[in-house]
């Protein structure tokens, strides 16, 4: 294993069930998805003093830890560039504009747009037309930022991978780590700010999980925390599936495929948001909800 291959994400096997499941996934994953099965010695080349409960870890050298805010900003810039290129190639004027304004009701868009797609995550219930009508499960999560004191030499290895375990460790640098995340179900607190008491409870929950894999983290110092509110989809016989579809009936007026919902992407949203966005765009442009797989519109049959 060469140092040039470092970074990526390392997933230690934490129990037999977890190890069996990951091994099965490795066997069936796409050929383009590189996953290496490592023993203790091989894993410690990446991160010295790493502790593997089942002496096995799965290393994904091409996997990334993503800052969602930076990603969304880059995604919007990419869309802007695509619109400019499309306008040049097709000799037709196209425009993409970001407007920021406070909206209190969906009805404020009446007559202003051909279509409105609501994708507010956990803040869906802020709109009175939607409040209480979606089978979403809210969950607040806190992540902690840790830094290594200047008088400590045992920095995280340069190029060492982030770790995905019962608590994940996102490497920001040799002396800077983010650790997450807690799960506070039914919370409605969407503030990114974390109180001293909430931060203390989060550390009590996260540090034992993180130190079980990377014991050296006990020498690191807490420097801050931030939080977010997730909007998780309902549990069904098919799994936890996103909520997509037309919601004209929420408006109580005669509309023809004007109002649409895009939410409940859950923890895997980053993986398939592009595919789902493409489905939604085709449904909106064709005014046809049937373009969307019925599994993703079945939430309409679930009582909130």
C-alpha atoms as a PDB file:
ATOM      1  CA  UNK A   1       0.000   0.000   0.000  1.00  0.00           C
ATOM      2  CA  UNK A   2       1.537   3.286  -1.120  1.00  0.00           C
ATOM      3  CA  UNK A   3       1.221   6.602   0.692  1.00  0.00           C
ATOM      4  CA  UNK A   4      -0.185   8.101  -2.503  1.00  0.00           C
ATOM      5  CA  UNK A   5      -3.246   5.901  -1.989  1.00  0.00           C
ATOM      6  CA  UNK A   6      -4.071   7.374   1.416  1.00  0.00           C
ATOM      7  CA  UNK A   7      -7.124   9.404   2.495  1.00  0.00           C
ATOM      8  CA  UNK A   8     -10.418   7.908   1.394  1.00  0.00           C
ATOM      9  CA  UNK A   9     -12.610   6.341   4.099  1.00  0.00           C
ATOM     10  CA  UNK A  10     -11.942   3.371   6.373  1.00  0.00           C
ATOM     11  CA  UNK A  11     -14.839   1.338   7.763  1.00  0.00           C
ATOM     12  CA  UNK A  12     -13.925  -1.033  10.607  1.00  0.00           C
ATOM     13  CA  UNK A  13     -16.112  -4.090  11.171  1.00  0.00           C
ATOM     14  CA  UNK A  14     -17.728  -3.524  14.578  1.00  0.00           C
ATOM     15  CA  UNK A  15     -19.633  -6.813  14.941  1.00  0.00           C
ATOM     16  CA  UNK A  16     -20.230 -10.035  13.037  1.00  0.00           C
ATOM     17  CA  UNK A  17     -23.519  -8.864  11.522  1.00  0.00           C
ATOM     18  CA  UNK A  18     -21.916  -5.648  10.305  1.00  0.00           C
ATOM     19  CA  UNK A  19     -18.909  -7.500   8.866  1.00  0.00           C
ATOM     20  CA  UNK A  20     -21.079 -10.034   7.005  1.00  0.00           C
ATOM     21  CA  UNK A  21     -23.229  -7.272   5.534  1.00  0.00           C
ATOM     22  CA  UNK A  22     -20.260  -5.238   4.307  1.00  0.00           C
ATOM     23  CA  UNK A  23     -18.578  -8.325   2.822  1.00  0.00           C
ATOM     24  CA  UNK A  24     -21.777  -9.057   0.883  1.00  0.00           C
ATOM     25  CA  UNK A  25     -21.875  -5.448  -0.330  1.00  0.00           C
ATOM     26  CA  UNK A  26     -18.243  -5.645  -1.447  1.00  0.00           C
ATOM     27  CA  UNK A  27     -19.041  -8.722  -3.540  1.00  0.00           C
ATOM     28  CA  UNK A  28     -21.965  -7.034  -5.301  1.00  0.00           C
ATOM     29  CA  UNK A  29     -20.696  -3.458  -5.686  1.00  0.00           C
ATOM     30  CA  UNK A  30     -19.855  -1.938  -9.050  1.00  0.00           C
ATOM     31  CA  UNK A  31     -16.391  -2.740 -10.441  1.00  0.00           C
ATOM     32  CA  UNK A  32     -15.612   0.991 -10.442  1.00  0.00           C
ATOM     33  CA  UNK A  33     -16.097   1.145  -6.645  1.00  0.00           C
ATOM     34  CA  UNK A  34     -12.763   0.216  -5.111  1.00  0.00           C
ATOM     35  CA  UNK A  35     -13.084  -1.513  -1.735  1.00  0.00           C
ATOM     36  CA  UNK A  36     -10.099  -3.198  -0.088  1.00  0.00           C
ATOM     37  CA  UNK A  37     -10.420  -5.633   2.820  1.00  0.00           C
ATOM     38  CA  UNK A  38      -7.656  -4.965   5.364  1.00  0.00           C
ATOM     39  CA  UNK A  39      -6.394  -6.847   8.400  1.00  0.00           C
ATOM     40  CA  UNK A  40      -5.041  -5.208  11.553  1.00  0.00           C
ATOM     41  CA  UNK A  41      -1.512  -4.762  10.262  1.00  0.00           C
ATOM     42  CA  UNK A  42      -2.628  -3.294   6.932  1.00  0.00           C
ATOM     43  CA  UNK A  43      -5.094  -0.894   8.595  1.00  0.00           C
ATOM     44  CA  UNK A  44      -2.418   0.376  10.970  1.00  0.00           C
ATOM     45  CA  UNK A  45      -0.267   1.382   8.020  1.00  0.00           C
ATOM     46  CA  UNK A  46      -2.995   3.936   7.338  1.00  0.00           C
ATOM     47  CA  UNK A  47      -3.630   4.886  10.976  1.00  0.00           C
ATOM     48  CA  UNK A  48      -1.099   3.660  13.575  1.00  0.00           C
ATOM     49  CA  UNK A  49      -2.620   2.405  16.866  1.00  0.00           C
ATOM     50  CA  UNK A  50      -5.993   1.879  15.210  1.00  0.00           C
ATOM     51  CA  UNK A  51      -8.130  -0.660  17.080  1.00  0.00           C
ATOM     52  CA  UNK A  52     -10.222  -3.114  15.039  1.00  0.00           C
ATOM     53  CA  UNK A  53     -12.770  -5.040  17.161  1.00  0.00           C
ATOM     54  CA  UNK A  54     -13.021  -7.825  14.567  1.00  0.00           C
ATOM     55  CA  UNK A  55      -9.496  -7.457  13.088  1.00  0.00           C
ATOM     56  CA  UNK A  56     -11.033  -6.447   9.765  1.00  0.00           C
ATOM     57  CA  UNK A  57     -11.648  -3.111   8.070  1.00  0.00           C
ATOM     58  CA  UNK A  58     -12.876  -2.060   4.657  1.00  0.00           C
ATOM     59  CA  UNK A  59     -10.943   0.699   2.926  1.00  0.00           C
ATOM     60  CA  UNK A  60     -12.492   2.821   0.181  1.00  0.00           C
ATOM     61  CA  UNK A  61      -9.556   4.827  -1.246  1.00  0.00           C
ATOM     62  CA  UNK A  62     -11.709   6.923  -3.584  1.00  0.00           C
ATOM     63  CA  UNK A  63     -14.437   7.752  -1.052  1.00  0.00           C
ATOM     64  CA  UNK A  64     -14.854  11.357   0.084  1.00  0.00           C
ATOM     65  CA  UNK A  65     -16.023  13.240   3.148  1.00  0.00           C
ATOM     66  CA  UNK A  66     -18.194  16.083   1.850  1.00  0.00           C
ATOM     67  CA  UNK A  67     -18.944  19.477   3.367  1.00  0.00           C
ATOM     68  CA  UNK A  68     -22.584  19.785   2.342  1.00  0.00           C
ATOM     69  CA  UNK A  69     -22.646  23.589   2.277  1.00  0.00           C
ATOM     70  CA  UNK A  70     -19.571  23.798   0.044  1.00  0.00           C
ATOM     71  CA  UNK A  71     -20.970  21.035  -2.141  1.00  0.00           C
ATOM     72  CA  UNK A  72     -24.296  22.823  -2.657  1.00  0.00           C
ATOM     73  CA  UNK A  73     -22.533  26.066  -3.559  1.00  0.00           C
ATOM     74  CA  UNK A  74     -20.349  24.242  -6.084  1.00  0.00           C
ATOM     75  CA  UNK A  75     -23.393  22.410  -7.458  1.00  0.00           C
ATOM     76  CA  UNK A  76     -25.175  25.707  -8.089  1.00  0.00           C
ATOM     77  CA  UNK A  77     -22.110  27.137  -9.846  1.00  0.00           C
ATOM     78  CA  UNK A  78     -22.016  23.999 -11.981  1.00  0.00           C
ATOM     79  CA  UNK A  79     -25.660  24.512 -12.927  1.00  0.00           C
ATOM     80  CA  UNK A  80     -24.926  28.133 -13.848  1.00  0.00           C
ATOM     81  CA  UNK A  81     -22.099  27.019 -16.126  1.00  0.00           C
ATOM     82  CA  UNK A  82     -24.318  24.378 -17.719  1.00  0.00           C
ATOM     83  CA  UNK A  83     -26.993  26.972 -18.497  1.00  0.00           C
ATOM     84  CA  UNK A  84     -24.414  29.277 -20.108  1.00  0.00           C
ATOM     85  CA  UNK A  85     -23.011  26.452 -22.237  1.00  0.00           C
ATOM     86  CA  UNK A  86     -26.490  25.329 -23.248  1.00  0.00           C
ATOM     87  CA  UNK A  87     -27.482  28.864 -24.269  1.00  0.00           C
ATOM     88  CA  UNK A  88     -24.371  29.171 -26.450  1.00  0.00           C
ATOM     89  CA  UNK A  89     -24.781  25.800 -28.151  1.00  0.00           C
ATOM     90  CA  UNK A  90     -28.497  26.107 -28.822  1.00  0.00           C
ATOM     91  CA  UNK A  91     -28.494  29.816 -29.670  1.00  0.00           C
ATOM     92  CA  UNK A  92     -31.380  30.239 -27.255  1.00  0.00           C
ATOM     93  CA  UNK A  93     -31.383  32.415 -24.168  1.00  0.00           C
ATOM     94  CA  UNK A  94     -31.646  30.474 -20.909  1.00  0.00           C
ATOM     95  CA  UNK A  95     -31.307  31.828 -17.422  1.00  0.00           C
ATOM     96  CA  UNK A  96     -30.762  30.480 -13.920  1.00  0.00           C
ATOM     97  CA  UNK A  97     -31.270  32.917 -11.058  1.00  0.00           C
ATOM     98  CA  UNK A  98     -31.028  32.500  -7.296  1.00  0.00           C
ATOM     99  CA  UNK A  99     -33.527  34.648  -5.378  1.00  0.00           C
ATOM    100  CA  UNK A 100     -33.358  34.803  -1.589  1.00  0.00           C
ATOM    101  CA  UNK A 101     -36.494  35.909   0.210  1.00  0.00           C
ATOM    102  CA  UNK A 102     -38.647  34.946   3.169  1.00  0.00           C
ATOM    103  CA  UNK A 103     -41.699  32.876   2.286  1.00  0.00           C
ATOM    104  CA  UNK A 104     -44.458  32.247   4.816  1.00  0.00           C
ATOM    105  CA  UNK A 105     -47.005  30.423   2.661  1.00  0.00           C
ATOM    106  CA  UNK A 106     -46.962  28.483  -0.599  1.00  0.00           C
ATOM    107  CA  UNK A 107     -49.850  30.610  -1.786  1.00  0.00           C
ATOM    108  CA  UNK A 108     -47.390  33.515  -2.109  1.00  0.00           C
ATOM    109  CA  UNK A 109     -46.221  31.874  -5.357  1.00  0.00           C
ATOM    110  CA  UNK A 110     -49.724  31.945  -6.823  1.00  0.00           C
ATOM    111  CA  UNK A 111     -49.552  33.084 -10.446  1.00  0.00           C
ATOM    112  CA  UNK A 112     -45.836  33.868 -10.247  1.00  0.00           C
ATOM    113  CA  UNK A 113     -44.344  30.580 -11.479  1.00  0.00           C
ATOM    114  CA  UNK A 114     -45.341  27.724 -13.763  1.00  0.00           C
ATOM    115  CA  UNK A 115     -44.179  25.211 -11.159  1.00  0.00           C
ATOM    116  CA  UNK A 116     -43.029  25.253  -7.530  1.00  0.00           C
ATOM    117  CA  UNK A 117     -40.894  22.460  -6.038  1.00  0.00           C
ATOM    118  CA  UNK A 118     -40.796  22.436  -2.240  1.00  0.00           C
ATOM    119  CA  UNK A 119     -37.523  21.018  -0.882  1.00  0.00           C
ATOM    120  CA  UNK A 120     -37.128  22.482   2.594  1.00  0.00           C
ATOM    121  CA  UNK A 121     -35.873  19.413   4.427  1.00  0.00           C
ATOM    122  CA  UNK A 122     -36.838  19.469   8.100  1.00  0.00           C
ATOM    123  CA  UNK A 123     -38.422  22.909   7.728  1.00  0.00           C
ATOM    124  CA  UNK A 124     -41.310  21.626   5.601  1.00  0.00           C
ATOM    125  CA  UNK A 125     -43.693  22.121   8.516  1.00  0.00           C
ATOM    126  CA  UNK A 126     -43.016  25.865   8.506  1.00  0.00           C
ATOM    127  CA  UNK A 127     -45.450  26.148   5.598  1.00  0.00           C
ATOM    128  CA  UNK A 128     -49.073  26.031   6.822  1.00  0.00           C
ATOM    129  CA  UNK A 129     -50.281  24.233   3.700  1.00  0.00           C
ATOM    130  CA  UNK A 130     -47.897  21.351   4.466  1.00  0.00           C
ATOM    131  CA  UNK A 131     -47.672  21.387   8.268  1.00  0.00           C
ATOM    132  CA  UNK A 132     -48.721  18.055   9.788  1.00  0.00           C
ATOM    133  CA  UNK A 133     -49.440  16.407   6.446  1.00  0.00           C
ATOM    134  CA  UNK A 134     -46.145  14.611   5.790  1.00  0.00           C
ATOM    135  CA  UNK A 135     -44.975  11.340   7.410  1.00  0.00           C
ATOM    136  CA  UNK A 136     -41.504  12.726   8.126  1.00  0.00           C
ATOM    137  CA  UNK A 137     -39.498  11.885  11.253  1.00  0.00           C
ATOM    138  CA  UNK A 138     -37.325  14.708  12.551  1.00  0.00           C
ATOM    139  CA  UNK A 139     -33.965  14.022  14.148  1.00  0.00           C
ATOM    140  CA  UNK A 140     -31.400  16.503  15.478  1.00  0.00           C
ATOM    141  CA  UNK A 141     -27.731  15.654  15.124  1.00  0.00           C
ATOM    142  CA  UNK A 142     -24.719  17.247  16.818  1.00  0.00           C
ATOM    143  CA  UNK A 143     -21.118  16.990  15.610  1.00  0.00           C
ATOM    144  CA  UNK A 144     -18.075  17.957  17.662  1.00  0.00           C
ATOM    145  CA  UNK A 145     -14.896  19.624  16.442  1.00  0.00           C
ATOM    146  CA  UNK A 146     -11.669  18.484  18.086  1.00  0.00           C
ATOM    147  CA  UNK A 147      -8.116  19.771  17.814  1.00  0.00           C
ATOM    148  CA  UNK A 148      -4.819  18.374  19.039  1.00  0.00           C
ATOM    149  CA  UNK A 149      -3.041  20.632  21.587  1.00  0.00           C
ATOM    150  CA  UNK A 150       0.215  22.214  20.442  1.00  0.00           C
ATOM    151  CA  UNK A 151       2.213  20.297  23.059  1.00  0.00           C
ATOM    152  CA  UNK A 152       1.128  16.916  21.676  1.00  0.00           C
ATOM    153  CA  UNK A 153       3.129  15.327  18.854  1.00  0.00           C
ATOM    154  CA  UNK A 154       0.865  12.377  18.035  1.00  0.00           C
ATOM    155  CA  UNK A 155      -0.978  14.083  15.187  1.00  0.00           C
ATOM    156  CA  UNK A 156      -3.327  12.186  12.918  1.00  0.00           C
ATOM    157  CA  UNK A 157      -1.236  10.755  10.061  1.00  0.00           C
ATOM    158  CA  UNK A 158      -0.826  12.993   7.039  1.00  0.00           C
ATOM    159  CA  UNK A 159      -3.170  11.613   4.406  1.00  0.00           C
ATOM    160  CA  UNK A 160      -4.800   9.241   6.897  1.00  0.00           C
ATOM    161  CA  UNK A 161      -8.380   8.224   5.993  1.00  0.00           C
ATOM    162  CA  UNK A 162     -11.559   9.414   7.613  1.00  0.00           C
ATOM    163  CA  UNK A 163     -13.272   6.686   9.660  1.00  0.00           C
ATOM    164  CA  UNK A 164     -16.848   5.453   9.367  1.00  0.00           C
ATOM    165  CA  UNK A 165     -17.928   3.543  12.465  1.00  0.00           C
ATOM    166  CA  UNK A 166     -20.519   3.831  15.261  1.00  0.00           C
ATOM    167  CA  UNK A 167     -19.206   7.387  15.427  1.00  0.00           C
ATOM    168  CA  UNK A 168     -17.593   8.789  12.293  1.00  0.00           C
ATOM    169  CA  UNK A 169     -14.372  10.801  12.217  1.00  0.00           C
ATOM    170  CA  UNK A 170     -14.021  13.295   9.362  1.00  0.00           C
ATOM    171  CA  UNK A 171     -10.398  14.359   9.029  1.00  0.00           C
ATOM    172  CA  UNK A 172      -9.894  18.088   8.451  1.00  0.00           C
ATOM    173  CA  UNK A 173      -6.119  17.958   8.894  1.00  0.00           C
ATOM    174  CA  UNK A 174      -3.414  16.281  11.024  1.00  0.00           C
ATOM    175  CA  UNK A 175      -4.524  18.282  14.071  1.00  0.00           C
ATOM    176  CA  UNK A 176      -8.198  18.872  13.271  1.00  0.00           C
ATOM    177  CA  UNK A 177     -11.105  16.383  13.321  1.00  0.00           C
ATOM    178  CA  UNK A 178     -14.902  16.432  13.234  1.00  0.00           C
ATOM    179  CA  UNK A 179     -16.708  13.648  15.118  1.00  0.00           C
ATOM    180  CA  UNK A 180     -20.371  12.779  14.751  1.00  0.00           C
ATOM    181  CA  UNK A 181     -23.151  12.335  15.014  1.00  0.00           C
ATOM    182  CA  UNK A 182     -25.808  12.134  17.692  1.00  0.00           C
ATOM    183  CA  UNK A 183     -29.441  11.230  16.967  1.00  0.00           C
ATOM    184  CA  UNK A 184     -32.162  13.065  18.897  1.00  0.00           C
ATOM    185  CA  UNK A 185     -35.435  11.826  17.470  1.00  0.00           C
ATOM    186  CA  UNK A 186     -38.578  14.004  17.411  1.00  0.00           C
ATOM    187  CA  UNK A 187     -36.560  17.165  18.013  1.00  0.00           C
ATOM    188  CA  UNK A 188     -37.846  20.306  16.298  1.00  0.00           C
ATOM    189  CA  UNK A 189     -34.775  22.388  17.145  1.00  0.00           C
ATOM    190  CA  UNK A 190     -33.290  23.458  13.810  1.00  0.00           C
ATOM    191  CA  UNK A 191     -30.733  25.890  15.239  1.00  0.00           C
ATOM    192  CA  UNK A 192     -27.113  25.161  14.238  1.00  0.00           C
ATOM    193  CA  UNK A 193     -26.024  26.566  17.595  1.00  0.00           C
ATOM    194  CA  UNK A 194     -25.235  24.084  20.363  1.00  0.00           C
ATOM    195  CA  UNK A 195     -25.526  24.929  24.058  1.00  0.00           C
ATOM    196  CA  UNK A 196     -22.822  23.984  26.551  1.00  0.00           C
ATOM    197  CA  UNK A 197     -25.072  21.321  28.053  1.00  0.00           C
ATOM    198  CA  UNK A 198     -25.976  19.835  24.656  1.00  0.00           C
ATOM    199  CA  UNK A 199     -22.319  19.797  23.612  1.00  0.00           C
ATOM    200  CA  UNK A 200     -21.332  18.044  26.840  1.00  0.00           C
ATOM    201  CA  UNK A 201     -23.955  15.330  26.315  1.00  0.00           C
ATOM    202  CA  UNK A 202     -22.863  14.897  22.700  1.00  0.00           C
ATOM    203  CA  UNK A 203     -19.232  14.401  23.752  1.00  0.00           C
ATOM    204  CA  UNK A 204     -20.262  11.841  26.376  1.00  0.00           C
ATOM    205  CA  UNK A 205     -22.013   9.891  23.629  1.00  0.00           C
ATOM    206  CA  UNK A 206     -19.514  10.292  20.786  1.00  0.00           C
ATOM    207  CA  UNK A 207     -16.069  10.031  22.395  1.00  0.00           C
ATOM    208  CA  UNK A 208     -16.426   6.459  23.747  1.00  0.00           C
ATOM    209  CA  UNK A 209     -17.531   5.283  20.295  1.00  0.00           C
ATOM    210  CA  UNK A 210     -14.724   7.130  18.514  1.00  0.00           C
ATOM    211  CA  UNK A 211     -12.013   6.101  21.000  1.00  0.00           C
ATOM    212  CA  UNK A 212     -13.004   2.434  20.669  1.00  0.00           C
ATOM    213  CA  UNK A 213     -11.577   2.611  17.131  1.00  0.00           C
ATOM    214  CA  UNK A 214      -9.056   5.442  17.454  1.00  0.00           C
ATOM    215  CA  UNK A 215      -7.887   5.516  21.119  1.00  0.00           C
ATOM    216  CA  UNK A 216      -5.602   8.482  20.486  1.00  0.00           C
ATOM    217  CA  UNK A 217      -8.609  10.782  20.205  1.00  0.00           C
ATOM    218  CA  UNK A 218      -8.719  10.924  24.024  1.00  0.00           C
ATOM    219  CA  UNK A 219      -5.780  13.348  23.856  1.00  0.00           C
ATOM    220  CA  UNK A 220      -7.648  15.761  21.598  1.00  0.00           C
ATOM    221  CA  UNK A 221      -9.454  18.864  22.871  1.00  0.00           C
ATOM    222  CA  UNK A 222     -13.035  19.892  22.175  1.00  0.00           C
ATOM    223  CA  UNK A 223     -13.184  23.315  20.468  1.00  0.00           C
ATOM    224  CA  UNK A 224     -16.796  23.615  19.337  1.00  0.00           C
ATOM    225  CA  UNK A 225     -19.947  21.946  18.078  1.00  0.00           C
ATOM    226  CA  UNK A 226     -22.689  22.527  15.566  1.00  0.00           C
ATOM    227  CA  UNK A 227     -25.977  20.844  14.803  1.00  0.00           C
ATOM    228  CA  UNK A 228     -28.566  20.211  12.138  1.00  0.00           C
ATOM    229  CA  UNK A 229     -32.098  18.871  11.928  1.00  0.00           C
ATOM    230  CA  UNK A 230     -32.716  15.906   9.655  1.00  0.00           C
ATOM    231  CA  UNK A 231     -36.028  15.094   7.964  1.00  0.00           C
ATOM    232  CA  UNK A 232     -36.058  11.309   7.797  1.00  0.00           C
ATOM    233  CA  UNK A 233     -38.560   9.373   5.657  1.00  0.00           C
ATOM    234  CA  UNK A 234     -40.954   6.861   7.238  1.00  0.00           C
ATOM    235  CA  UNK A 235     -40.000   3.221   7.745  1.00  0.00           C
ATOM    236  CA  UNK A 236     -41.902   0.989   5.321  1.00  0.00           C
ATOM    237  CA  UNK A 237     -41.776  -2.616   4.131  1.00  0.00           C
ATOM    238  CA  UNK A 238     -39.639  -1.335   1.236  1.00  0.00           C
ATOM    239  CA  UNK A 239     -37.234   0.525   3.506  1.00  0.00           C
ATOM    240  CA  UNK A 240     -36.906   4.269   4.139  1.00  0.00           C
ATOM    241  CA  UNK A 241     -37.778   5.899   0.836  1.00  0.00           C
ATOM    242  CA  UNK A 242     -37.791   9.612  -0.118  1.00  0.00           C
ATOM    243  CA  UNK A 243     -41.010  11.575  -0.557  1.00  0.00           C
ATOM    244  CA  UNK A 244     -41.629  12.852  -4.086  1.00  0.00           C
ATOM    245  CA  UNK A 245     -44.758  13.847  -5.973  1.00  0.00           C
ATOM    246  CA  UNK A 246     -47.374  16.425  -6.836  1.00  0.00           C
ATOM    247  CA  UNK A 247     -49.072  18.188  -3.896  1.00  0.00           C
ATOM    248  CA  UNK A 248     -51.656  20.310  -5.708  1.00  0.00           C
ATOM    249  CA  UNK A 249     -54.338  18.828  -3.439  1.00  0.00           C
ATOM    250  CA  UNK A 250     -52.604  20.458  -0.444  1.00  0.00           C
ATOM    251  CA  UNK A 251     -53.486  23.866  -1.870  1.00  0.00           C
ATOM    252  CA  UNK A 252     -57.247  23.393  -1.925  1.00  0.00           C
ATOM    253  CA  UNK A 253     -57.575  25.001  -5.351  1.00  0.00           C
ATOM    254  CA  UNK A 254     -57.699  23.811  -8.939  1.00  0.00           C
ATOM    255  CA  UNK A 255     -54.120  23.440 -10.123  1.00  0.00           C
ATOM    256  CA  UNK A 256     -52.571  21.307 -12.821  1.00  0.00           C
ATOM    257  CA  UNK A 257     -49.291  19.832 -11.556  1.00  0.00           C
ATOM    258  CA  UNK A 258     -47.993  23.156 -10.263  1.00  0.00           C
ATOM    259  CA  UNK A 259     -46.875  22.273  -6.723  1.00  0.00           C
ATOM    260  CA  UNK A 260     -44.406  19.469  -6.095  1.00  0.00           C
ATOM    261  CA  UNK A 261     -42.670  17.911  -3.094  1.00  0.00           C
ATOM    262  CA  UNK A 262     -39.035  16.761  -2.919  1.00  0.00           C
ATOM    263  CA  UNK A 263     -38.015  15.658   0.573  1.00  0.00           C
ATOM    264  CA  UNK A 264     -37.228  12.977   3.098  1.00  0.00           C
ATOM    265  CA  UNK A 265     -34.009  11.957   1.362  1.00  0.00           C
ATOM    266  CA  UNK A 266     -32.532  10.735   4.639  1.00  0.00           C
ATOM    267  CA  UNK A 267     -28.936   9.736   5.263  1.00  0.00           C
ATOM    268  CA  UNK A 268     -28.415   8.436   1.714  1.00  0.00           C
ATOM    269  CA  UNK A 269     -29.631  11.574  -0.013  1.00  0.00           C
ATOM    270  CA  UNK A 270     -26.147  12.526  -1.160  1.00  0.00           C
ATOM    271  CA  UNK A 271     -25.926   9.258  -3.086  1.00  0.00           C
ATOM    272  CA  UNK A 272     -29.102   9.544  -5.136  1.00  0.00           C
ATOM    273  CA  UNK A 273     -30.205  13.169  -5.075  1.00  0.00           C
ATOM    274  CA  UNK A 274     -28.990  13.653  -8.664  1.00  0.00           C
ATOM    275  CA  UNK A 275     -31.045  10.733  -9.958  1.00  0.00           C
ATOM    276  CA  UNK A 276     -34.100  11.827  -7.964  1.00  0.00           C
ATOM    277  CA  UNK A 277     -33.688  15.409  -9.160  1.00  0.00           C
ATOM    278  CA  UNK A 278     -33.671  14.186 -12.744  1.00  0.00           C
ATOM    279  CA  UNK A 279     -36.876  12.204 -12.130  1.00  0.00           C
ATOM    280  CA  UNK A 280     -38.515  15.230 -10.546  1.00  0.00           C
ATOM    281  CA  UNK A 281     -37.512  17.530 -13.410  1.00  0.00           C
ATOM    282  CA  UNK A 282     -39.002  15.158 -15.988  1.00  0.00           C
ATOM    283  CA  UNK A 283     -42.214  14.841 -13.956  1.00  0.00           C
ATOM    284  CA  UNK A 284     -42.592  18.613 -13.594  1.00  0.00           C
ATOM    285  CA  UNK A 285     -41.832  19.409 -17.237  1.00  0.00           C
ATOM    286  CA  UNK A 286     -44.213  16.723 -18.485  1.00  0.00           C
ATOM    287  CA  UNK A 287     -46.862  17.483 -15.826  1.00  0.00           C
ATOM    288  CA  UNK A 288     -46.949  13.755 -15.185  1.00  0.00           C
ATOM    289  CA  UNK A 289     -46.434  12.329 -11.696  1.00  0.00           C
ATOM    290  CA  UNK A 290     -46.357   8.795 -13.122  1.00  0.00           C
ATOM    291  CA  UNK A 291     -42.807   9.472 -14.338  1.00  0.00           C
ATOM    292  CA  UNK A 292     -41.828   9.014 -10.683  1.00  0.00           C
ATOM    293  CA  UNK A 293     -41.678   5.385  -9.432  1.00  0.00           C
ATOM    294  CA  UNK A 294     -44.792   4.579  -7.407  1.00  0.00           C
ATOM    295  CA  UNK A 295     -42.626   3.580  -4.419  1.00  0.00           C
ATOM    296  CA  UNK A 296     -41.600   7.237  -4.066  1.00  0.00           C
ATOM    297  CA  UNK A 297     -45.174   8.561  -4.138  1.00  0.00           C
ATOM    298  CA  UNK A 298     -46.640   5.855  -1.873  1.00  0.00           C
ATOM    299  CA  UNK A 299     -46.156   8.159   1.141  1.00  0.00           C
ATOM    300  CA  UNK A 300     -49.505   9.705   0.220  1.00  0.00           C
ATOM    301  CA  UNK A 301     -51.142   6.545   1.577  1.00  0.00           C
ATOM    302  CA  UNK A 302     -49.391   6.854   4.950  1.00  0.00           C
ATOM    303  CA  UNK A 303     -51.021   8.775   7.780  1.00  0.00           C
ATOM    304  CA  UNK A 304     -48.635  11.338   9.348  1.00  0.00           C
END
